[in-house]
Amino acid sequence: MARKPFERAIIYSAVLGGLSLDEVNALLHDGSPTAKPVPQGTYDIMRRTYFGPMVRGIGTVPSDSQNPFGQSIFRPSTISGLDKETEGE
């Protein structure tokens, strides 16, 4: 089952904030006791590669528009999709 947007918001902000996997999963559980924990491999991928393309240039997007990071909360990118977004940079 796909994650709900509020679950992704918790996960994304916790990972970007440098929280450990245990801390991420504790926050996720507090927000949604039935949510599946984040697996170690997913956490590692998010820390290493997932957020760079989303947060790059965040300050250049008008504040009344969703930036790529905000968009990903509702429509998450796949890893292969992120690779295409960064081609040519």
PDB file of N, CA and C in Angstrom:
ATOM      1  N   MET A   1       0.839  -1.169   0.000  1.00  0.00           N
ATOM      2  CA  MET A   1       0.000   0.000   0.000  1.00  0.00           C
ATOM      3  C   MET A   1       0.895   1.247   0.000  1.00  0.00           C
ATOM      4  N   ALA A   2       0.521   2.206  -0.808  1.00  0.00           N
ATOM      5  CA  ALA A   2       1.313   3.437  -0.924  1.00  0.00           C
ATOM      6  C   ALA A   2       1.202   4.273   0.348  1.00  0.00           C
ATOM      7  N   ARG A   3       2.240   4.999   0.630  1.00  0.00           N
ATOM      8  CA  ARG A   3       2.235   5.882   1.796  1.00  0.00           C
ATOM      9  C   ARG A   3       1.307   7.065   1.551  1.00  0.00           C
ATOM     10  N   LYS A   4       0.746   7.563   2.628  1.00  0.00           N
ATOM     11  CA  LYS A   4      -0.090   8.754   2.576  1.00  0.00           C
ATOM     12  C   LYS A   4       0.818   9.977   2.569  1.00  0.00           C
ATOM     13  N   PRO A   5       0.349  11.087   1.985  1.00  0.00           N
ATOM     14  CA  PRO A   5       1.198  12.281   1.935  1.00  0.00           C
ATOM     15  C   PRO A   5       1.738  12.710   3.296  1.00  0.00           C
ATOM     16  N   PHE A   6       0.949  12.628   4.354  1.00  0.00           N
ATOM     17  CA  PHE A   6       1.464  13.069   5.652  1.00  0.00           C
ATOM     18  C   PHE A   6       2.570  12.142   6.151  1.00  0.00           C
ATOM     19  N   GLU A   7       2.513  10.856   5.785  1.00  0.00           N
ATOM     20  CA  GLU A   7       3.590   9.938   6.161  1.00  0.00           C
ATOM     21  C   GLU A   7       4.880  10.302   5.428  1.00  0.00           C
ATOM     22  N   ARG A   8       4.753  10.600   4.119  1.00  0.00           N
ATOM     23  CA  ARG A   8       5.940  11.008   3.357  1.00  0.00           C
ATOM     24  C   ARG A   8       6.517  12.305   3.899  1.00  0.00           C
ATOM     25  N   ALA A   9       5.658  13.248   4.298  1.00  0.00           N
ATOM     26  CA  ALA A   9       6.145  14.515   4.855  1.00  0.00           C
ATOM     27  C   ALA A   9       6.950  14.265   6.127  1.00  0.00           C
ATOM     28  N   ILE A  10       6.471  13.370   6.974  1.00  0.00           N
ATOM     29  CA  ILE A  10       7.200  13.034   8.198  1.00  0.00           C
ATOM     30  C   ILE A  10       8.543  12.394   7.852  1.00  0.00           C
ATOM     31  N   ILE A  11       8.517  11.416   6.963  1.00  0.00           N
ATOM     32  CA  ILE A  11       9.738  10.699   6.598  1.00  0.00           C
ATOM     33  C   ILE A  11      10.749  11.643   5.950  1.00  0.00           C
ATOM     34  N   TYR A  12      10.308  12.394   4.946  1.00  0.00           N
ATOM     35  CA  TYR A  12      11.220  13.268   4.217  1.00  0.00           C
ATOM     36  C   TYR A  12      11.860  14.301   5.142  1.00  0.00           C
ATOM     37  N   SER A  13      11.043  14.955   5.949  1.00  0.00           N
ATOM     38  CA  SER A  13      11.604  15.992   6.812  1.00  0.00           C
ATOM     39  C   SER A  13      12.526  15.394   7.872  1.00  0.00           C
ATOM     40  N   ALA A  14      12.192  14.214   8.371  1.00  0.00           N
ATOM     41  CA  ALA A  14      13.039  13.571   9.378  1.00  0.00           C
ATOM     42  C   ALA A  14      14.383  13.156   8.780  1.00  0.00           C
ATOM     43  N   VAL A  15      14.362  12.596   7.588  1.00  0.00           N
ATOM     44  CA  VAL A  15      15.616  12.187   6.946  1.00  0.00           C
ATOM     45  C   VAL A  15      16.456  13.421   6.616  1.00  0.00           C
ATOM     46  N   LEU A  16      15.836  14.453   6.050  1.00  0.00           N
ATOM     47  CA  LEU A  16      16.574  15.677   5.735  1.00  0.00           C
ATOM     48  C   LEU A  16      17.105  16.346   6.993  1.00  0.00           C
ATOM     49  N   GLY A  17      16.414  16.158   8.109  1.00  0.00           N
ATOM     50  CA  GLY A  17      16.858  16.727   9.371  1.00  0.00           C
ATOM     51  C   GLY A  17      17.962  15.937  10.037  1.00  0.00           C
ATOM     52  N   GLY A  18      18.386  14.835   9.416  1.00  0.00           N
ATOM     53  CA  GLY A  18      19.497  14.056   9.937  1.00  0.00           C
ATOM     54  C   GLY A  18      19.125  13.066  11.025  1.00  0.00           C
ATOM     55  N   LEU A  19      17.835  12.762  11.172  1.00  0.00           N
ATOM     56  CA  LEU A  19      17.425  11.807  12.189  1.00  0.00           C
ATOM     57  C   LEU A  19      17.850  10.393  11.815  1.00  0.00           C
ATOM     58  N   SER A  20      18.076   9.586  12.811  1.00  0.00           N
ATOM     59  CA  SER A  20      18.435   8.181  12.583  1.00  0.00           C
ATOM     60  C   SER A  20      17.205   7.418  12.105  1.00  0.00           C
ATOM     61  N   LEU A  21      17.433   6.227  11.591  1.00  0.00           N
ATOM     62  CA  LEU A  21      16.321   5.387  11.145  1.00  0.00           C
ATOM     63  C   LEU A  21      15.350   5.120  12.296  1.00  0.00           C
ATOM     64  N   ASP A  22      15.868   4.823  13.473  1.00  0.00           N
ATOM     65  CA  ASP A  22      14.999   4.581  14.629  1.00  0.00           C
ATOM     66  C   ASP A  22      14.158   5.813  14.957  1.00  0.00           C
ATOM     67  N   GLU A  23      14.764   6.990  14.878  1.00  0.00           N
ATOM     68  CA  GLU A  23      14.021   8.227  15.156  1.00  0.00           C
ATOM     69  C   GLU A  23      12.963   8.491  14.091  1.00  0.00           C
ATOM     70  N   VAL A  24      13.299   8.236  12.828  1.00  0.00           N
ATOM     71  CA  VAL A  24      12.334   8.398  11.742  1.00  0.00           C
ATOM     72  C   VAL A  24      11.139   7.493  11.984  1.00  0.00           C
ATOM     73  N   ASN A  25      11.399   6.230  12.276  1.00  0.00           N
ATOM     74  CA  ASN A  25      10.310   5.276  12.480  1.00  0.00           C
ATOM     75  C   ASN A  25       9.492   5.586  13.731  1.00  0.00           C
ATOM     76  N   ALA A  26      10.125   6.119  14.774  1.00  0.00           N
ATOM     77  CA  ALA A  26       9.377   6.505  15.977  1.00  0.00           C
ATOM     78  C   ALA A  26       8.420   7.659  15.662  1.00  0.00           C
ATOM     79  N   LEU A  27       8.903   8.658  14.917  1.00  0.00           N
ATOM     80  CA  LEU A  27       8.028   9.768  14.525  1.00  0.00           C
ATOM     81  C   LEU A  27       6.888   9.283  13.642  1.00  0.00           C
ATOM     82  N   LEU A  28       7.212   8.418  12.701  1.00  0.00           N
ATOM     83  CA  LEU A  28       6.197   7.882  11.803  1.00  0.00           C
ATOM     84  C   LEU A  28       5.133   7.129  12.596  1.00  0.00           C
ATOM     85  N   HIS A  29       5.559   6.335  13.557  1.00  0.00           N
ATOM     86  CA  HIS A  29       4.620   5.576  14.390  1.00  0.00           C
ATOM     87  C   HIS A  29       3.746   6.514  15.233  1.00  0.00           C
ATOM     88  N   ASP A  30       4.345   7.590  15.753  1.00  0.00           N
ATOM     89  CA  ASP A  30       3.566   8.559  16.529  1.00  0.00           C
ATOM     90  C   ASP A  30       2.479   9.206  15.678  1.00  0.00           C
ATOM     91  N   GLY A  31       2.790   9.475  14.416  1.00  0.00           N
ATOM     92  CA  GLY A  31       1.828  10.109  13.518  1.00  0.00           C
ATOM     93  C   GLY A  31       0.805   9.145  12.958  1.00  0.00           C
ATOM     94  N   SER A  32       1.180   7.902  12.847  1.00  0.00           N
ATOM     95  CA  SER A  32       0.303   6.889  12.257  1.00  0.00           C
ATOM     96  C   SER A  32       0.712   5.522  12.796  1.00  0.00           C
ATOM     97  N   PRO A  33       0.118   5.092  13.911  1.00  0.00           N
ATOM     98  CA  PRO A  33       0.532   3.836  14.547  1.00  0.00           C
ATOM     99  C   PRO A  33       0.470   2.602  13.641  1.00  0.00           C
ATOM    100  N   THR A  34      -0.313   2.652  12.568  1.00  0.00           N
ATOM    101  CA  THR A  34      -0.410   1.499  11.670  1.00  0.00           C
ATOM    102  C   THR A  34       0.523   1.598  10.464  1.00  0.00           C
ATOM    103  N   ALA A  35       1.283   2.692  10.359  1.00  0.00           N
ATOM    104  CA  ALA A  35       2.187   2.873   9.214  1.00  0.00           C
ATOM    105  C   ALA A  35       3.321   1.851   9.271  1.00  0.00           C
ATOM    106  N   LYS A  36       3.709   1.380   8.098  1.00  0.00           N
ATOM    107  CA  LYS A  36       4.859   0.472   8.025  1.00  0.00           C
ATOM    108  C   LYS A  36       6.142   1.248   8.300  1.00  0.00           C
ATOM    109  N   PRO A  37       7.072   0.646   9.031  1.00  0.00           N
ATOM    110  CA  PRO A  37       8.353   1.321   9.255  1.00  0.00           C
ATOM    111  C   PRO A  37       9.132   1.471   7.946  1.00  0.00           C
ATOM    112  N   VAL A  38      10.013   2.430   7.917  1.00  0.00           N
ATOM    113  CA  VAL A  38      10.891   2.635   6.770  1.00  0.00           C
ATOM    114  C   VAL A  38      11.986   1.571   6.830  1.00  0.00           C
ATOM    115  N   PRO A  39      12.167   0.801   5.752  1.00  0.00           N
ATOM    116  CA  PRO A  39      13.240  -0.194   5.744  1.00  0.00           C
ATOM    117  C   PRO A  39      14.625   0.467   5.697  1.00  0.00           C
ATOM    118  N   GLN A  40      15.621  -0.221   6.201  1.00  0.00           N
ATOM    119  CA  GLN A  40      16.991   0.304   6.226  1.00  0.00           C
ATOM    120  C   GLN A  40      17.462   0.700   4.832  1.00  0.00           C
ATOM    121  N   GLY A  41      17.227  -0.147   3.824  1.00  0.00           N
ATOM    122  CA  GLY A  41      17.681   0.142   2.461  1.00  0.00           C
ATOM    123  C   GLY A  41      17.051   1.409   1.897  1.00  0.00           C
ATOM    124  N   THR A  42      15.774   1.613   2.151  1.00  0.00           N
ATOM    125  CA  THR A  42      15.086   2.814   1.686  1.00  0.00           C
ATOM    126  C   THR A  42      15.661   4.049   2.361  1.00  0.00           C
ATOM    127  N   TYR A  43      15.869   3.948   3.654  1.00  0.00           N
ATOM    128  CA  TYR A  43      16.460   5.053   4.419  1.00  0.00           C
ATOM    129  C   TYR A  43      17.838   5.403   3.849  1.00  0.00           C
ATOM    130  N   ASP A  44      18.657   4.398   3.578  1.00  0.00           N
ATOM    131  CA  ASP A  44      19.999   4.632   3.041  1.00  0.00           C
ATOM    132  C   ASP A  44      19.947   5.315   1.681  1.00  0.00           C
ATOM    133  N   ILE A  45      19.058   4.866   0.809  1.00  0.00           N
ATOM    134  CA  ILE A  45      18.924   5.472  -0.523  1.00  0.00           C
ATOM    135  C   ILE A  45      18.481   6.923  -0.405  1.00  0.00           C
ATOM    136  N   MET A  46      17.510   7.176   0.462  1.00  0.00           N
ATOM    137  CA  MET A  46      17.033   8.551   0.622  1.00  0.00           C
ATOM    138  C   MET A  46      18.156   9.445   1.120  1.00  0.00           C
ATOM    139  N   ARG A  47      18.938   8.980   2.051  1.00  0.00           N
ATOM    140  CA  ARG A  47      20.036   9.788   2.591  1.00  0.00           C
ATOM    141  C   ARG A  47      21.106  10.044   1.539  1.00  0.00           C
ATOM    142  N   ARG A  48      21.399   9.050   0.693  1.00  0.00           N
ATOM    143  CA  ARG A  48      22.497   9.189  -0.267  1.00  0.00           C
ATOM    144  C   ARG A  48      22.104   9.930  -1.530  1.00  0.00           C
ATOM    145  N   THR A  49      20.923   9.632  -2.093  1.00  0.00           N
ATOM    146  CA  THR A  49      20.672  10.114  -3.448  1.00  0.00           C
ATOM    147  C   THR A  49      19.315  10.759  -3.690  1.00  0.00           C
ATOM    148  N   TYR A  50      18.331  10.472  -2.915  1.00  0.00           N
ATOM    149  CA  TYR A  50      16.965  10.826  -3.291  1.00  0.00           C
ATOM    150  C   TYR A  50      16.669  12.319  -3.236  1.00  0.00           C
ATOM    151  N   PHE A  51      17.189  13.027  -2.255  1.00  0.00           N
ATOM    152  CA  PHE A  51      16.756  14.401  -2.039  1.00  0.00           C
ATOM    153  C   PHE A  51      17.526  15.455  -2.813  1.00  0.00           C
ATOM    154  N   GLY A  52      18.739  15.169  -3.267  1.00  0.00           N
ATOM    155  CA  GLY A  52      19.533  16.172  -3.971  1.00  0.00           C
ATOM    156  C   GLY A  52      18.793  16.890  -5.077  1.00  0.00           C
ATOM    157  N   PRO A  53      18.228  16.156  -6.044  1.00  0.00           N
ATOM    158  CA  PRO A  53      17.517  16.828  -7.129  1.00  0.00           C
ATOM    159  C   PRO A  53      16.282  17.604  -6.662  1.00  0.00           C
ATOM    160  N   MET A  54      15.669  17.147  -5.578  1.00  0.00           N
ATOM    161  CA  MET A  54      14.456  17.811  -5.105  1.00  0.00           C
ATOM    162  C   MET A  54      14.747  19.117  -4.395  1.00  0.00           C
ATOM    163  N   VAL A  55      15.826  19.185  -3.644  1.00  0.00           N
ATOM    164  CA  VAL A  55      16.089  20.383  -2.850  1.00  0.00           C
ATOM    165  C   VAL A  55      16.991  21.378  -3.571  1.00  0.00           C
ATOM    166  N   ARG A  56      17.629  20.940  -4.635  1.00  0.00           N
ATOM    167  CA  ARG A  56      18.487  21.851  -5.411  1.00  0.00           C
ATOM    168  C   ARG A  56      17.623  22.985  -5.969  1.00  0.00           C
ATOM    169  N   GLY A  57      17.992  24.199  -5.703  1.00  0.00           N
ATOM    170  CA  GLY A  57      17.270  25.357  -6.234  1.00  0.00           C
ATOM    171  C   GLY A  57      15.980  25.677  -5.508  1.00  0.00           C
ATOM    172  N   ILE A  58      15.775  25.115  -4.329  1.00  0.00           N
ATOM    173  CA  ILE A  58      14.523  25.321  -3.604  1.00  0.00           C
ATOM    174  C   ILE A  58      14.242  26.804  -3.360  1.00  0.00           C
ATOM    175  N   GLY A  59      15.263  27.581  -3.087  1.00  0.00           N
ATOM    176  CA  GLY A  59      15.076  29.001  -2.808  1.00  0.00           C
ATOM    177  C   GLY A  59      14.727  29.838  -4.022  1.00  0.00           C
ATOM    178  N   THR A  60      14.834  29.273  -5.215  1.00  0.00           N
ATOM    179  CA  THR A  60      14.536  30.029  -6.422  1.00  0.00           C
ATOM    180  C   THR A  60      13.081  29.895  -6.857  1.00  0.00           C
ATOM    181  N   VAL A  61      12.323  29.015  -6.212  1.00  0.00           N
ATOM    182  CA  VAL A  61      10.914  28.803  -6.552  1.00  0.00           C
ATOM    183  C   VAL A  61      10.074  29.795  -5.752  1.00  0.00           C
ATOM    184  N   PRO A  62       9.133  30.508  -6.403  1.00  0.00           N
ATOM    185  CA  PRO A  62       8.289  31.449  -5.656  1.00  0.00           C
ATOM    186  C   PRO A  62       7.591  30.739  -4.491  1.00  0.00           C
ATOM    187  N   SER A  63       7.420  31.449  -3.393  1.00  0.00           N
ATOM    188  CA  SER A  63       6.857  30.823  -2.199  1.00  0.00           C
ATOM    189  C   SER A  63       5.392  30.425  -2.359  1.00  0.00           C
ATOM    190  N   ASP A  64       4.720  30.943  -3.389  1.00  0.00           N
ATOM    191  CA  ASP A  64       3.329  30.554  -3.593  1.00  0.00           C
ATOM    192  C   ASP A  64       3.200  29.381  -4.565  1.00  0.00           C
ATOM    193  N   SER A  65       4.330  28.752  -4.894  1.00  0.00           N
ATOM    194  CA  SER A  65       4.342  27.579  -5.773  1.00  0.00           C
ATOM    195  C   SER A  65       5.010  26.421  -5.056  1.00  0.00           C
ATOM    196  N   GLN A  66       4.550  25.211  -5.372  1.00  0.00           N
ATOM    197  CA  GLN A  66       5.229  24.040  -4.806  1.00  0.00           C
ATOM    198  C   GLN A  66       6.551  23.834  -5.517  1.00  0.00           C
ATOM    199  N   ASN A  67       7.605  23.632  -4.751  1.00  0.00           N
ATOM    200  CA  ASN A  67       8.894  23.289  -5.339  1.00  0.00           C
ATOM    201  C   ASN A  67       8.928  21.767  -5.514  1.00  0.00           C
ATOM    202  N   PRO A  68       9.971  21.221  -6.157  1.00  0.00           N
ATOM    203  CA  PRO A  68      10.028  19.772  -6.379  1.00  0.00           C
ATOM    204  C   PRO A  68       9.909  18.957  -5.089  1.00  0.00           C
ATOM    205  N   PHE A  69      10.441  19.471  -3.989  1.00  0.00           N
ATOM    206  CA  PHE A  69      10.344  18.750  -2.720  1.00  0.00           C
ATOM    207  C   PHE A  69       8.885  18.660  -2.274  1.00  0.00           C
ATOM    208  N   GLY A  70       8.170  19.773  -2.317  1.00  0.00           N
ATOM    209  CA  GLY A  70       6.754  19.775  -1.947  1.00  0.00           C
ATOM    210  C   GLY A  70       5.922  18.895  -2.865  1.00  0.00           C
ATOM    211  N   GLN A  71       6.233  18.937  -4.149  1.00  0.00           N
ATOM    212  CA  GLN A  71       5.505  18.098  -5.101  1.00  0.00           C
ATOM    213  C   GLN A  71       5.696  16.621  -4.794  1.00  0.00           C
ATOM    214  N   SER A  72       6.894  16.258  -4.338  1.00  0.00           N
ATOM    215  CA  SER A  72       7.182  14.843  -4.084  1.00  0.00           C
ATOM    216  C   SER A  72       6.388  14.284  -2.911  1.00  0.00           C
ATOM    217  N   ILE A  73       5.905  15.132  -2.029  1.00  0.00           N
ATOM    218  CA  ILE A  73       5.088  14.650  -0.919  1.00  0.00           C
ATOM    219  C   ILE A  73       3.786  14.063  -1.452  1.00  0.00           C
ATOM    220  N   PHE A  74       3.245  14.667  -2.505  1.00  0.00           N
ATOM    221  CA  PHE A  74       1.994  14.182  -3.082  1.00  0.00           C
ATOM    222  C   PHE A  74       2.211  13.216  -4.243  1.00  0.00           C
ATOM    223  N   ARG A  75       3.297  13.404  -4.980  1.00  0.00           N
ATOM    224  CA  ARG A  75       3.606  12.551  -6.130  1.00  0.00           C
ATOM    225  C   ARG A  75       5.093  12.221  -6.096  1.00  0.00           C
ATOM    226  N   PRO A  76       5.475  11.204  -5.314  1.00  0.00           N
ATOM    227  CA  PRO A  76       6.908  10.909  -5.170  1.00  0.00           C
ATOM    228  C   PRO A  76       7.547  10.488  -6.493  1.00  0.00           C
ATOM    229  N   SER A  77       8.761  10.942  -6.686  1.00  0.00           N
ATOM    230  CA  SER A  77       9.541  10.550  -7.856  1.00  0.00           C
ATOM    231  C   SER A  77      10.171   9.184  -7.614  1.00  0.00           C
ATOM    232  N   THR A  78      10.338   8.451  -8.689  1.00  0.00           N
ATOM    233  CA  THR A  78      11.103   7.211  -8.589  1.00  0.00           C
ATOM    234  C   THR A  78      12.584   7.570  -8.674  1.00  0.00           C
ATOM    235  N   ILE A  79      13.430   6.670  -8.249  1.00  0.00           N
ATOM    236  CA  ILE A  79      14.868   6.915  -8.365  1.00  0.00           C
ATOM    237  C   ILE A  79      15.238   7.115  -9.827  1.00  0.00           C
ATOM    238  N   SER A  80      14.681   6.303 -10.731  1.00  0.00           N
ATOM    239  CA  SER A  80      15.004   6.462 -12.150  1.00  0.00           C
ATOM    240  C   SER A  80      14.477   7.794 -12.673  1.00  0.00           C
ATOM    241  N   GLY A  81      13.359   8.270 -12.143  1.00  0.00           N
ATOM    242  CA  GLY A  81      12.835   9.569 -12.544  1.00  0.00           C
ATOM    243  C   GLY A  81      13.746  10.686 -12.100  1.00  0.00           C
ATOM    244  N   LEU A  82      14.332  10.561 -10.928  1.00  0.00           N
ATOM    245  CA  LEU A  82      15.271  11.578 -10.454  1.00  0.00           C
ATOM    246  C   LEU A  82      16.510  11.608 -11.318  1.00  0.00           C
ATOM    247  N   ASP A  83      16.954  10.429 -11.754  1.00  0.00           N
ATOM    248  CA  ASP A  83      18.118  10.376 -12.636  1.00  0.00           C
ATOM    249  C   ASP A  83      17.858  11.160 -13.914  1.00  0.00           C
ATOM    250  N   LYS A  84      16.650  11.042 -14.488  1.00  0.00           N
ATOM    251  CA  LYS A  84      16.315  11.778 -15.717  1.00  0.00           C
ATOM    252  C   LYS A  84      16.263  13.270 -15.469  1.00  0.00           C
ATOM    253  N   GLU A  85      15.771  13.673 -14.273  1.00  0.00           N
ATOM    254  CA  GLU A  85      15.666  15.089 -13.956  1.00  0.00           C
ATOM    255  C   GLU A  85      17.026  15.746 -13.841  1.00  0.00           C
ATOM    256  N   THR A  86      18.047  14.979 -13.480  1.00  0.00           N
ATOM    257  CA  THR A  86      19.374  15.564 -13.262  1.00  0.00           C
ATOM    258  C   THR A  86      20.289  15.425 -14.471  1.00  0.00           C
ATOM    259  N   GLU A  87      19.829  14.774 -15.530  1.00  0.00           N
ATOM    260  CA  GLU A  87      20.659  14.644 -16.727  1.00  0.00           C
ATOM    261  C   GLU A  87      20.950  16.033 -17.286  1.00  0.00           C
ATOM    262  N   GLY A  88      22.158  16.232 -17.702  1.00  0.00           N
ATOM    263  CA  GLY A  88      22.546  17.489 -18.314  1.00  0.00           C
ATOM    264  C   GLY A  88      22.948  18.564 -17.320  1.00  0.00           C
ATOM    265  N   GLU A  89      22.945  18.259 -16.028  1.00  0.00           N
ATOM    266  CA  GLU A  89      23.360  19.271 -15.041  1.00  0.00           C
ATOM    267  C   GLU A  89      24.860  19.309 -14.925  1.00  0.00           C
TER     268      GLU A  89
END
